[in-house]
């Protein structure tokens, strides 16, 4: 009888120890990430939100007095024009990225495992290098005295240098170059998850390649398309350095406006208010994405 009780006690003790070990392991994995997110995401966002309701004195100092005037300034006419220009450039960049990325992602999805890995590596590896360095490389190639214009003039193809940078076209080129990867990855993930039995069944029933693309592939890859568009459009609004480098400061975008409020105008409350509006826009797009059946994992790869 005593041996039976001892065994039961030992079994309960082992279960408790195992449960405690699992709990400690779980918290040891969660705690570092939680602290990291708290310090680098949550607290800065709260700070920006609080700052957007503060006031500013004549010399650019922060006055801790609540006001809604910053959000009224957000919708001033000159700012609305900047938002419209940002949305136009961001939308155009997104459409170009989609046109380039979709057939390329479809091409990768049709390859074998080894080829997929190599091709996706070629897509991702360039992002390891600094974005500014890559943009200045484009400027070196495309400016009026750059390699491309010089070569075209020597070949007699053009008589005068083409203005390929320091304008809106240059900004769009820079956006597409930097953000194309973020369109390819979610679209590839969606295409790679499509059951090939569906395609084979459609072929057996006499469907043409266009019908398969229209009725099966595109509808099933919509979550990836939407995810890619969000991942390109939202950053394009805030990539102020692309406008500075590729646009030469000729166009002011939403990111430039926010930067100027913090760096030049010393109007931190207004800059924070504009940032809050950009965050709200991101949240709205994410809610729409989820309600249309999108999977949040599509926004972060596999």
C-alpha atoms as a PDB file:
ATOM      1  CA  UNK A   1       0.000   0.000   0.000  1.00  0.00           C
ATOM      2  CA  UNK A   2       2.781   2.392   0.952  1.00  0.00           C
ATOM      3  CA  UNK A   3       4.681   1.521  -2.246  1.00  0.00           C
ATOM      4  CA  UNK A   4       1.560   2.348  -4.303  1.00  0.00           C
ATOM      5  CA  UNK A   5       1.226   5.724  -2.562  1.00  0.00           C
ATOM      6  CA  UNK A   6       4.921   6.455  -3.119  1.00  0.00           C
ATOM      7  CA  UNK A   7       4.570   5.626  -6.819  1.00  0.00           C
ATOM      8  CA  UNK A   8       1.524   7.900  -7.139  1.00  0.00           C
ATOM      9  CA  UNK A   9       3.347  10.691  -5.330  1.00  0.00           C
ATOM     10  CA  UNK A  10       6.399  10.226  -7.557  1.00  0.00           C
ATOM     11  CA  UNK A  11       4.213  10.245 -10.685  1.00  0.00           C
ATOM     12  CA  UNK A  12       2.478  13.471  -9.602  1.00  0.00           C
ATOM     13  CA  UNK A  13       5.858  15.034  -8.783  1.00  0.00           C
ATOM     14  CA  UNK A  14       7.229  14.097 -12.212  1.00  0.00           C
ATOM     15  CA  UNK A  15       4.154  15.563 -13.916  1.00  0.00           C
ATOM     16  CA  UNK A  16       4.492  18.803 -11.961  1.00  0.00           C
ATOM     17  CA  UNK A  17       8.205  18.972 -12.752  1.00  0.00           C
ATOM     18  CA  UNK A  18       7.543  18.315 -16.446  1.00  0.00           C
ATOM     19  CA  UNK A  19       4.801  20.976 -16.506  1.00  0.00           C
ATOM     20  CA  UNK A  20       7.072  23.478 -14.736  1.00  0.00           C
ATOM     21  CA  UNK A  21       9.884  22.711 -17.188  1.00  0.00           C
ATOM     22  CA  UNK A  22       7.571  23.280 -20.177  1.00  0.00           C
ATOM     23  CA  UNK A  23       6.321  26.541 -18.655  1.00  0.00           C
ATOM     24  CA  UNK A  24       9.853  27.810 -18.038  1.00  0.00           C
ATOM     25  CA  UNK A  25      10.902  26.849 -21.570  1.00  0.00           C
ATOM     26  CA  UNK A  26       7.883  28.628 -23.012  1.00  0.00           C
ATOM     27  CA  UNK A  27       8.536  31.808 -21.046  1.00  0.00           C
ATOM     28  CA  UNK A  28      12.254  31.711 -21.846  1.00  0.00           C
ATOM     29  CA  UNK A  29      11.278  31.842 -25.537  1.00  0.00           C
ATOM     30  CA  UNK A  30       8.534  34.445 -25.194  1.00  0.00           C
ATOM     31  CA  UNK A  31      10.117  36.844 -22.685  1.00  0.00           C
ATOM     32  CA  UNK A  32      13.081  38.095 -24.785  1.00  0.00           C
ATOM     33  CA  UNK A  33      10.830  38.747 -27.783  1.00  0.00           C
ATOM     34  CA  UNK A  34       8.229  40.435 -25.575  1.00  0.00           C
ATOM     35  CA  UNK A  35      10.832  42.717 -23.980  1.00  0.00           C
ATOM     36  CA  UNK A  36      12.278  43.506 -27.417  1.00  0.00           C
ATOM     37  CA  UNK A  37       8.836  44.373 -28.830  1.00  0.00           C
ATOM     38  CA  UNK A  38       7.972  46.429 -25.752  1.00  0.00           C
ATOM     39  CA  UNK A  39      11.151  48.516 -25.880  1.00  0.00           C
ATOM     40  CA  UNK A  40      11.452  48.971 -29.655  1.00  0.00           C
ATOM     41  CA  UNK A  41       7.822  48.923 -30.856  1.00  0.00           C
ATOM     42  CA  UNK A  42       5.195  49.483 -28.173  1.00  0.00           C
ATOM     43  CA  UNK A  43       6.882  52.247 -26.147  1.00  0.00           C
ATOM     44  CA  UNK A  44       7.989  54.260 -29.249  1.00  0.00           C
ATOM     45  CA  UNK A  45       4.456  54.021 -30.706  1.00  0.00           C
ATOM     46  CA  UNK A  46       2.933  55.212 -27.422  1.00  0.00           C
ATOM     47  CA  UNK A  47       5.467  58.058 -27.339  1.00  0.00           C
ATOM     48  CA  UNK A  48       4.570  59.128 -30.886  1.00  0.00           C
ATOM     49  CA  UNK A  49       0.845  58.955 -30.064  1.00  0.00           C
ATOM     50  CA  UNK A  50       1.260  61.066 -26.908  1.00  0.00           C
ATOM     51  CA  UNK A  51       3.539  63.529 -28.737  1.00  0.00           C
ATOM     52  CA  UNK A  52       0.892  64.057 -31.440  1.00  0.00           C
ATOM     53  CA  UNK A  53      -1.393  65.659 -28.844  1.00  0.00           C
ATOM     54  CA  UNK A  54       1.280  67.989 -27.447  1.00  0.00           C
ATOM     55  CA  UNK A  55       1.868  71.662 -28.286  1.00  0.00           C
ATOM     56  CA  UNK A  56       4.915  73.472 -29.642  1.00  0.00           C
ATOM     57  CA  UNK A  57       6.367  76.778 -28.519  1.00  0.00           C
ATOM     58  CA  UNK A  58       7.827  79.492 -30.754  1.00  0.00           C
ATOM     59  CA  UNK A  59      11.350  78.030 -30.606  1.00  0.00           C
ATOM     60  CA  UNK A  60      10.305  74.468 -31.399  1.00  0.00           C
ATOM     61  CA  UNK A  61      10.243  73.191 -27.849  1.00  0.00           C
ATOM     62  CA  UNK A  62       7.613  70.742 -26.635  1.00  0.00           C
ATOM     63  CA  UNK A  63       4.843  72.178 -24.474  1.00  0.00           C
ATOM     64  CA  UNK A  64       3.076  69.455 -22.525  1.00  0.00           C
ATOM     65  CA  UNK A  65      -0.386  70.806 -23.129  1.00  0.00           C
ATOM     66  CA  UNK A  66      -3.021  68.706 -24.878  1.00  0.00           C
ATOM     67  CA  UNK A  67      -4.331  69.991 -28.204  1.00  0.00           C
ATOM     68  CA  UNK A  68      -6.036  68.709 -31.366  1.00  0.00           C
ATOM     69  CA  UNK A  69      -4.538  71.462 -33.504  1.00  0.00           C
ATOM     70  CA  UNK A  70      -1.850  69.124 -34.851  1.00  0.00           C
ATOM     71  CA  UNK A  71      -4.447  66.854 -36.443  1.00  0.00           C
ATOM     72  CA  UNK A  72      -6.169  69.911 -37.940  1.00  0.00           C
ATOM     73  CA  UNK A  73      -2.850  70.889 -39.575  1.00  0.00           C
ATOM     74  CA  UNK A  74      -2.486  67.357 -40.943  1.00  0.00           C
ATOM     75  CA  UNK A  75      -5.362  68.082 -43.344  1.00  0.00           C
ATOM     76  CA  UNK A  76      -4.200  71.511 -44.560  1.00  0.00           C
ATOM     77  CA  UNK A  77      -4.329  71.993 -48.335  1.00  0.00           C
ATOM     78  CA  UNK A  78      -0.558  71.960 -48.892  1.00  0.00           C
ATOM     79  CA  UNK A  79      -0.246  68.734 -46.923  1.00  0.00           C
ATOM     80  CA  UNK A  80      -3.136  67.125 -48.805  1.00  0.00           C
ATOM     81  CA  UNK A  81      -1.302  67.844 -52.075  1.00  0.00           C
ATOM     82  CA  UNK A  82       1.752  66.047 -50.712  1.00  0.00           C
ATOM     83  CA  UNK A  83      -0.397  63.071 -49.661  1.00  0.00           C
ATOM     84  CA  UNK A  84      -1.957  62.937 -53.130  1.00  0.00           C
ATOM     85  CA  UNK A  85       1.472  62.975 -54.797  1.00  0.00           C
ATOM     86  CA  UNK A  86       2.713  60.283 -52.384  1.00  0.00           C
ATOM     87  CA  UNK A  87      -0.310  58.073 -53.096  1.00  0.00           C
ATOM     88  CA  UNK A  88       0.174  58.542 -56.845  1.00  0.00           C
ATOM     89  CA  UNK A  89       3.871  57.592 -56.740  1.00  0.00           C
ATOM     90  CA  UNK A  90       3.228  54.758 -54.272  1.00  0.00           C
ATOM     91  CA  UNK A  91       0.316  53.420 -56.320  1.00  0.00           C
ATOM     92  CA  UNK A  92       2.285  53.575 -59.567  1.00  0.00           C
ATOM     93  CA  UNK A  93       5.262  51.840 -57.935  1.00  0.00           C
ATOM     94  CA  UNK A  94       2.935  49.140 -56.576  1.00  0.00           C
ATOM     95  CA  UNK A  95       1.356  48.491 -59.977  1.00  0.00           C
ATOM     96  CA  UNK A  96       4.757  48.248 -61.696  1.00  0.00           C
ATOM     97  CA  UNK A  97       6.029  45.897 -58.983  1.00  0.00           C
ATOM     98  CA  UNK A  98       2.933  43.714 -59.432  1.00  0.00           C
ATOM     99  CA  UNK A  99       3.346  43.576 -63.217  1.00  0.00           C
ATOM    100  CA  UNK A 100       6.991  42.509 -62.853  1.00  0.00           C
ATOM    101  CA  UNK A 101       6.635  40.277 -59.786  1.00  0.00           C
ATOM    102  CA  UNK A 102       3.634  38.128 -60.749  1.00  0.00           C
ATOM    103  CA  UNK A 103       5.071  36.403 -63.848  1.00  0.00           C
ATOM    104  CA  UNK A 104       8.455  36.107 -62.145  1.00  0.00           C
ATOM    105  CA  UNK A 105       6.915  34.525 -59.025  1.00  0.00           C
ATOM    106  CA  UNK A 106       4.898  32.167 -61.248  1.00  0.00           C
ATOM    107  CA  UNK A 107       8.090  31.200 -63.072  1.00  0.00           C
ATOM    108  CA  UNK A 108       9.821  30.388 -59.756  1.00  0.00           C
ATOM    109  CA  UNK A 109       6.798  28.457 -58.413  1.00  0.00           C
ATOM    110  CA  UNK A 110       6.954  26.098 -61.397  1.00  0.00           C
ATOM    111  CA  UNK A 111      10.567  25.093 -60.724  1.00  0.00           C
ATOM    112  CA  UNK A 112      11.939  22.283 -58.580  1.00  0.00           C
ATOM    113  CA  UNK A 113      13.002  22.697 -54.926  1.00  0.00           C
ATOM    114  CA  UNK A 114      16.666  23.427 -55.697  1.00  0.00           C
ATOM    115  CA  UNK A 115      15.886  25.936 -58.450  1.00  0.00           C
ATOM    116  CA  UNK A 116      13.300  27.647 -56.203  1.00  0.00           C
ATOM    117  CA  UNK A 117      15.877  28.053 -53.444  1.00  0.00           C
ATOM    118  CA  UNK A 118      18.494  29.478 -55.806  1.00  0.00           C
ATOM    119  CA  UNK A 119      16.110  31.904 -57.522  1.00  0.00           C
ATOM    120  CA  UNK A 120      14.615  33.137 -54.247  1.00  0.00           C
ATOM    121  CA  UNK A 121      18.126  33.611 -52.885  1.00  0.00           C
ATOM    122  CA  UNK A 122      18.923  35.791 -55.914  1.00  0.00           C
ATOM    123  CA  UNK A 123      15.830  37.858 -55.073  1.00  0.00           C
ATOM    124  CA  UNK A 124      16.686  38.269 -51.384  1.00  0.00           C
ATOM    125  CA  UNK A 125      20.502  38.557 -51.376  1.00  0.00           C
ATOM    126  CA  UNK A 126      20.686  42.100 -52.894  1.00  0.00           C
ATOM    127  CA  UNK A 127      18.698  43.422 -49.911  1.00  0.00           C
ATOM    128  CA  UNK A 128      21.635  42.523 -47.656  1.00  0.00           C
ATOM    129  CA  UNK A 129      23.606  45.497 -48.983  1.00  0.00           C
ATOM    130  CA  UNK A 130      22.783  49.036 -47.888  1.00  0.00           C
ATOM    131  CA  UNK A 131      19.813  50.615 -49.674  1.00  0.00           C
ATOM    132  CA  UNK A 132      21.504  54.012 -50.042  1.00  0.00           C
ATOM    133  CA  UNK A 133      24.561  52.448 -51.668  1.00  0.00           C
ATOM    134  CA  UNK A 134      22.360  50.685 -54.210  1.00  0.00           C
ATOM    135  CA  UNK A 135      20.406  53.865 -54.961  1.00  0.00           C
ATOM    136  CA  UNK A 136      23.573  55.901 -55.503  1.00  0.00           C
ATOM    137  CA  UNK A 137      24.725  53.165 -57.887  1.00  0.00           C
ATOM    138  CA  UNK A 138      21.587  53.776 -59.955  1.00  0.00           C
ATOM    139  CA  UNK A 139      22.274  57.510 -59.901  1.00  0.00           C
ATOM    140  CA  UNK A 140      25.817  56.868 -61.134  1.00  0.00           C
ATOM    141  CA  UNK A 141      24.424  54.792 -63.987  1.00  0.00           C
ATOM    142  CA  UNK A 142      21.457  56.953 -65.002  1.00  0.00           C
ATOM    143  CA  UNK A 143      22.401  60.605 -64.405  1.00  0.00           C
ATOM    144  CA  UNK A 144      22.996  62.835 -67.421  1.00  0.00           C
ATOM    145  CA  UNK A 145      26.745  62.276 -67.253  1.00  0.00           C
ATOM    146  CA  UNK A 146      26.331  58.654 -66.202  1.00  0.00           C
ATOM    147  CA  UNK A 147      27.341  55.448 -67.922  1.00  0.00           C
ATOM    148  CA  UNK A 148      23.991  54.798 -69.632  1.00  0.00           C
ATOM    149  CA  UNK A 149      23.587  58.269 -71.188  1.00  0.00           C
ATOM    150  CA  UNK A 150      27.249  58.436 -72.179  1.00  0.00           C
ATOM    151  CA  UNK A 151      27.067  55.033 -73.884  1.00  0.00           C
ATOM    152  CA  UNK A 152      23.828  55.882 -75.729  1.00  0.00           C
ATOM    153  CA  UNK A 153      25.303  59.163 -76.972  1.00  0.00           C
ATOM    154  CA  UNK A 154      28.483  57.464 -78.200  1.00  0.00           C
ATOM    155  CA  UNK A 155      26.380  54.891 -80.064  1.00  0.00           C
ATOM    156  CA  UNK A 156      24.393  57.712 -81.673  1.00  0.00           C
ATOM    157  CA  UNK A 157      21.092  56.459 -80.266  1.00  0.00           C
ATOM    158  CA  UNK A 158      20.360  59.802 -78.536  1.00  0.00           C
ATOM    159  CA  UNK A 159      21.555  63.357 -79.196  1.00  0.00           C
ATOM    160  CA  UNK A 160      20.956  64.728 -75.705  1.00  0.00           C
ATOM    161  CA  UNK A 161      21.172  63.065 -72.289  1.00  0.00           C
ATOM    162  CA  UNK A 162      17.913  61.613 -70.987  1.00  0.00           C
ATOM    163  CA  UNK A 163      16.576  62.821 -67.632  1.00  0.00           C
ATOM    164  CA  UNK A 164      16.222  59.426 -65.946  1.00  0.00           C
ATOM    165  CA  UNK A 165      16.855  60.558 -62.366  1.00  0.00           C
ATOM    166  CA  UNK A 166      16.201  63.662 -60.247  1.00  0.00           C
ATOM    167  CA  UNK A 167      12.520  63.551 -61.204  1.00  0.00           C
ATOM    168  CA  UNK A 168       9.358  61.545 -60.496  1.00  0.00           C
ATOM    169  CA  UNK A 169      10.469  58.769 -62.862  1.00  0.00           C
ATOM    170  CA  UNK A 170      13.639  58.367 -60.847  1.00  0.00           C
ATOM    171  CA  UNK A 171      11.663  58.106 -57.604  1.00  0.00           C
ATOM    172  CA  UNK A 172       9.378  55.433 -59.060  1.00  0.00           C
ATOM    173  CA  UNK A 173      12.411  53.509 -60.354  1.00  0.00           C
ATOM    174  CA  UNK A 174      14.020  53.643 -56.913  1.00  0.00           C
ATOM    175  CA  UNK A 175      10.818  52.507 -55.195  1.00  0.00           C
ATOM    176  CA  UNK A 176      10.334  49.600 -57.604  1.00  0.00           C
ATOM    177  CA  UNK A 177      13.949  48.510 -57.252  1.00  0.00           C
ATOM    178  CA  UNK A 178      13.923  48.519 -53.440  1.00  0.00           C
ATOM    179  CA  UNK A 179      10.423  47.119 -52.897  1.00  0.00           C
ATOM    180  CA  UNK A 180      10.092  44.556 -55.700  1.00  0.00           C
ATOM    181  CA  UNK A 181      11.289  41.789 -53.379  1.00  0.00           C
ATOM    182  CA  UNK A 182       8.372  42.460 -51.002  1.00  0.00           C
ATOM    183  CA  UNK A 183       5.945  41.877 -53.861  1.00  0.00           C
ATOM    184  CA  UNK A 184       7.625  38.705 -55.132  1.00  0.00           C
ATOM    185  CA  UNK A 185       7.800  36.842 -51.807  1.00  0.00           C
ATOM    186  CA  UNK A 186       4.083  36.830 -50.796  1.00  0.00           C
ATOM    187  CA  UNK A 187       2.930  36.155 -54.365  1.00  0.00           C
ATOM    188  CA  UNK A 188       5.387  33.265 -54.637  1.00  0.00           C
ATOM    189  CA  UNK A 189       4.153  31.853 -51.307  1.00  0.00           C
ATOM    190  CA  UNK A 190       0.537  31.947 -52.520  1.00  0.00           C
ATOM    191  CA  UNK A 191       1.374  30.378 -55.881  1.00  0.00           C
ATOM    192  CA  UNK A 192       3.559  27.717 -54.294  1.00  0.00           C
ATOM    193  CA  UNK A 193       0.664  26.600 -52.049  1.00  0.00           C
ATOM    194  CA  UNK A 194      -1.726  25.997 -54.958  1.00  0.00           C
ATOM    195  CA  UNK A 195      -2.649  22.323 -55.333  1.00  0.00           C
ATOM    196  CA  UNK A 196      -1.338  21.230 -58.728  1.00  0.00           C
ATOM    197  CA  UNK A 197      -4.063  18.575 -58.863  1.00  0.00           C
ATOM    198  CA  UNK A 198      -6.526  21.403 -59.528  1.00  0.00           C
ATOM    199  CA  UNK A 199      -4.520  22.523 -62.540  1.00  0.00           C
ATOM    200  CA  UNK A 200      -4.173  18.979 -63.846  1.00  0.00           C
ATOM    201  CA  UNK A 201      -7.914  18.404 -63.436  1.00  0.00           C
ATOM    202  CA  UNK A 202      -8.646  21.606 -65.353  1.00  0.00           C
ATOM    203  CA  UNK A 203      -6.303  20.516 -68.156  1.00  0.00           C
ATOM    204  CA  UNK A 204      -7.996  17.101 -68.319  1.00  0.00           C
ATOM    205  CA  UNK A 205     -11.350  18.868 -68.678  1.00  0.00           C
ATOM    206  CA  UNK A 206     -10.031  20.836 -71.646  1.00  0.00           C
ATOM    207  CA  UNK A 207      -9.336  24.197 -70.025  1.00  0.00           C
ATOM    208  CA  UNK A 208      -6.882  26.458 -71.853  1.00  0.00           C
ATOM    209  CA  UNK A 209      -3.861  27.998 -70.134  1.00  0.00           C
ATOM    210  CA  UNK A 210      -5.616  31.371 -70.069  1.00  0.00           C
ATOM    211  CA  UNK A 211      -8.710  29.829 -68.435  1.00  0.00           C
ATOM    212  CA  UNK A 212      -6.559  28.076 -65.836  1.00  0.00           C
ATOM    213  CA  UNK A 213      -4.777  31.344 -65.074  1.00  0.00           C
ATOM    214  CA  UNK A 214      -8.019  33.328 -64.894  1.00  0.00           C
ATOM    215  CA  UNK A 215     -10.219  30.829 -63.028  1.00  0.00           C
ATOM    216  CA  UNK A 216      -7.746  29.018 -60.763  1.00  0.00           C
ATOM    217  CA  UNK A 217      -4.306  30.572 -60.377  1.00  0.00           C
ATOM    218  CA  UNK A 218      -5.187  34.269 -60.015  1.00  0.00           C
ATOM    219  CA  UNK A 219      -8.158  33.745 -57.614  1.00  0.00           C
ATOM    220  CA  UNK A 220      -6.097  31.425 -55.377  1.00  0.00           C
ATOM    221  CA  UNK A 221      -3.153  33.854 -55.355  1.00  0.00           C
ATOM    222  CA  UNK A 222      -5.229  36.933 -54.451  1.00  0.00           C
ATOM    223  CA  UNK A 223      -4.131  36.880 -50.786  1.00  0.00           C
ATOM    224  CA  UNK A 224      -0.500  37.022 -51.905  1.00  0.00           C
ATOM    225  CA  UNK A 225      -1.253  39.815 -54.382  1.00  0.00           C
ATOM    226  CA  UNK A 226      -3.021  41.884 -51.727  1.00  0.00           C
ATOM    227  CA  UNK A 227      -0.252  41.193 -49.189  1.00  0.00           C
ATOM    228  CA  UNK A 228       2.409  42.217 -51.706  1.00  0.00           C
ATOM    229  CA  UNK A 229       0.554  45.419 -52.575  1.00  0.00           C
ATOM    230  CA  UNK A 230       0.358  46.367 -48.882  1.00  0.00           C
ATOM    231  CA  UNK A 231       4.043  45.574 -48.354  1.00  0.00           C
ATOM    232  CA  UNK A 232       5.001  47.817 -51.282  1.00  0.00           C
ATOM    233  CA  UNK A 233       2.473  50.645 -51.007  1.00  0.00           C
ATOM    234  CA  UNK A 234       2.832  51.440 -47.283  1.00  0.00           C
ATOM    235  CA  UNK A 235       6.676  51.621 -47.230  1.00  0.00           C
ATOM    236  CA  UNK A 236       6.670  53.682 -50.431  1.00  0.00           C
ATOM    237  CA  UNK A 237       4.868  56.459 -48.530  1.00  0.00           C
ATOM    238  CA  UNK A 238       7.621  56.621 -45.934  1.00  0.00           C
ATOM    239  CA  UNK A 239      10.787  56.017 -47.977  1.00  0.00           C
ATOM    240  CA  UNK A 240      11.895  59.665 -47.890  1.00  0.00           C
ATOM    241  CA  UNK A 241      15.511  58.816 -48.780  1.00  0.00           C
ATOM    242  CA  UNK A 242      14.411  57.493 -52.190  1.00  0.00           C
ATOM    243  CA  UNK A 243      12.906  60.879 -53.006  1.00  0.00           C
ATOM    244  CA  UNK A 244      16.061  62.628 -51.773  1.00  0.00           C
ATOM    245  CA  UNK A 245      18.500  60.436 -53.737  1.00  0.00           C
ATOM    246  CA  UNK A 246      16.618  59.470 -56.902  1.00  0.00           C
ATOM    247  CA  UNK A 247      14.387  62.540 -57.030  1.00  0.00           C
ATOM    248  CA  UNK A 248      17.009  65.074 -56.026  1.00  0.00           C
ATOM    249  CA  UNK A 249      14.508  66.723 -53.694  1.00  0.00           C
ATOM    250  CA  UNK A 250      12.249  67.701 -56.611  1.00  0.00           C
ATOM    251  CA  UNK A 251       9.225  65.938 -55.102  1.00  0.00           C
ATOM    252  CA  UNK A 252       8.092  65.983 -51.484  1.00  0.00           C
ATOM    253  CA  UNK A 253       6.489  62.791 -50.287  1.00  0.00           C
ATOM    254  CA  UNK A 254       4.803  61.854 -47.036  1.00  0.00           C
ATOM    255  CA  UNK A 255       8.047  60.513 -45.605  1.00  0.00           C
ATOM    256  CA  UNK A 256       9.858  63.743 -46.501  1.00  0.00           C
ATOM    257  CA  UNK A 257       7.116  65.761 -44.825  1.00  0.00           C
ATOM    258  CA  UNK A 258       7.469  63.786 -41.598  1.00  0.00           C
ATOM    259  CA  UNK A 259      11.264  64.028 -41.730  1.00  0.00           C
ATOM    260  CA  UNK A 260      11.133  67.792 -42.267  1.00  0.00           C
ATOM    261  CA  UNK A 261       8.892  68.274 -39.239  1.00  0.00           C
ATOM    262  CA  UNK A 262      11.435  66.536 -37.009  1.00  0.00           C
ATOM    263  CA  UNK A 263      14.697  67.692 -38.605  1.00  0.00           C
ATOM    264  CA  UNK A 264      14.048  71.126 -40.109  1.00  0.00           C
ATOM    265  CA  UNK A 265      10.850  72.693 -38.772  1.00  0.00           C
ATOM    266  CA  UNK A 266      11.337  71.263 -35.270  1.00  0.00           C
ATOM    267  CA  UNK A 267       7.626  70.616 -35.065  1.00  0.00           C
ATOM    268  CA  UNK A 268       7.652  67.218 -33.407  1.00  0.00           C
ATOM    269  CA  UNK A 269       3.927  67.232 -32.497  1.00  0.00           C
ATOM    270  CA  UNK A 270       2.875  67.768 -36.134  1.00  0.00           C
ATOM    271  CA  UNK A 271       5.377  65.181 -37.369  1.00  0.00           C
ATOM    272  CA  UNK A 272       3.989  62.729 -34.805  1.00  0.00           C
ATOM    273  CA  UNK A 273       0.396  63.484 -35.883  1.00  0.00           C
ATOM    274  CA  UNK A 274       1.235  62.749 -39.528  1.00  0.00           C
ATOM    275  CA  UNK A 275       2.992  59.550 -38.428  1.00  0.00           C
ATOM    276  CA  UNK A 276      -0.112  58.501 -36.480  1.00  0.00           C
ATOM    277  CA  UNK A 277      -2.250  59.009 -39.589  1.00  0.00           C
ATOM    278  CA  UNK A 278       0.157  56.828 -41.586  1.00  0.00           C
ATOM    279  CA  UNK A 279      -0.035  54.136 -38.890  1.00  0.00           C
ATOM    280  CA  UNK A 280      -3.846  54.299 -38.970  1.00  0.00           C
ATOM    281  CA  UNK A 281      -3.779  53.895 -42.758  1.00  0.00           C
ATOM    282  CA  UNK A 282      -1.611  50.794 -42.338  1.00  0.00           C
ATOM    283  CA  UNK A 283      -3.994  49.334 -39.745  1.00  0.00           C
ATOM    284  CA  UNK A 284      -7.021  49.989 -41.983  1.00  0.00           C
ATOM    285  CA  UNK A 285      -5.361  48.212 -44.914  1.00  0.00           C
ATOM    286  CA  UNK A 286      -4.454  45.261 -42.695  1.00  0.00           C
ATOM    287  CA  UNK A 287      -8.043  44.991 -41.426  1.00  0.00           C
ATOM    288  CA  UNK A 288      -9.327  45.026 -45.029  1.00  0.00           C
ATOM    289  CA  UNK A 289      -6.726  42.373 -45.901  1.00  0.00           C
ATOM    290  CA  UNK A 290      -7.900  40.086 -43.076  1.00  0.00           C
ATOM    291  CA  UNK A 291     -11.592  40.573 -43.818  1.00  0.00           C
ATOM    292  CA  UNK A 292     -11.024  39.593 -47.428  1.00  0.00           C
ATOM    293  CA  UNK A 293      -9.627  36.272 -46.264  1.00  0.00           C
ATOM    294  CA  UNK A 294      -5.959  37.182 -46.159  1.00  0.00           C
ATOM    295  CA  UNK A 295      -3.529  35.355 -43.898  1.00  0.00           C
ATOM    296  CA  UNK A 296      -1.208  37.570 -41.839  1.00  0.00           C
ATOM    297  CA  UNK A 297       1.581  35.024 -42.398  1.00  0.00           C
ATOM    298  CA  UNK A 298       1.578  36.108 -46.076  1.00  0.00           C
ATOM    299  CA  UNK A 299       2.931  39.482 -44.931  1.00  0.00           C
ATOM    300  CA  UNK A 300       5.969  37.886 -43.374  1.00  0.00           C
ATOM    301  CA  UNK A 301       6.820  35.091 -45.784  1.00  0.00           C
ATOM    302  CA  UNK A 302       6.459  31.455 -44.850  1.00  0.00           C
END
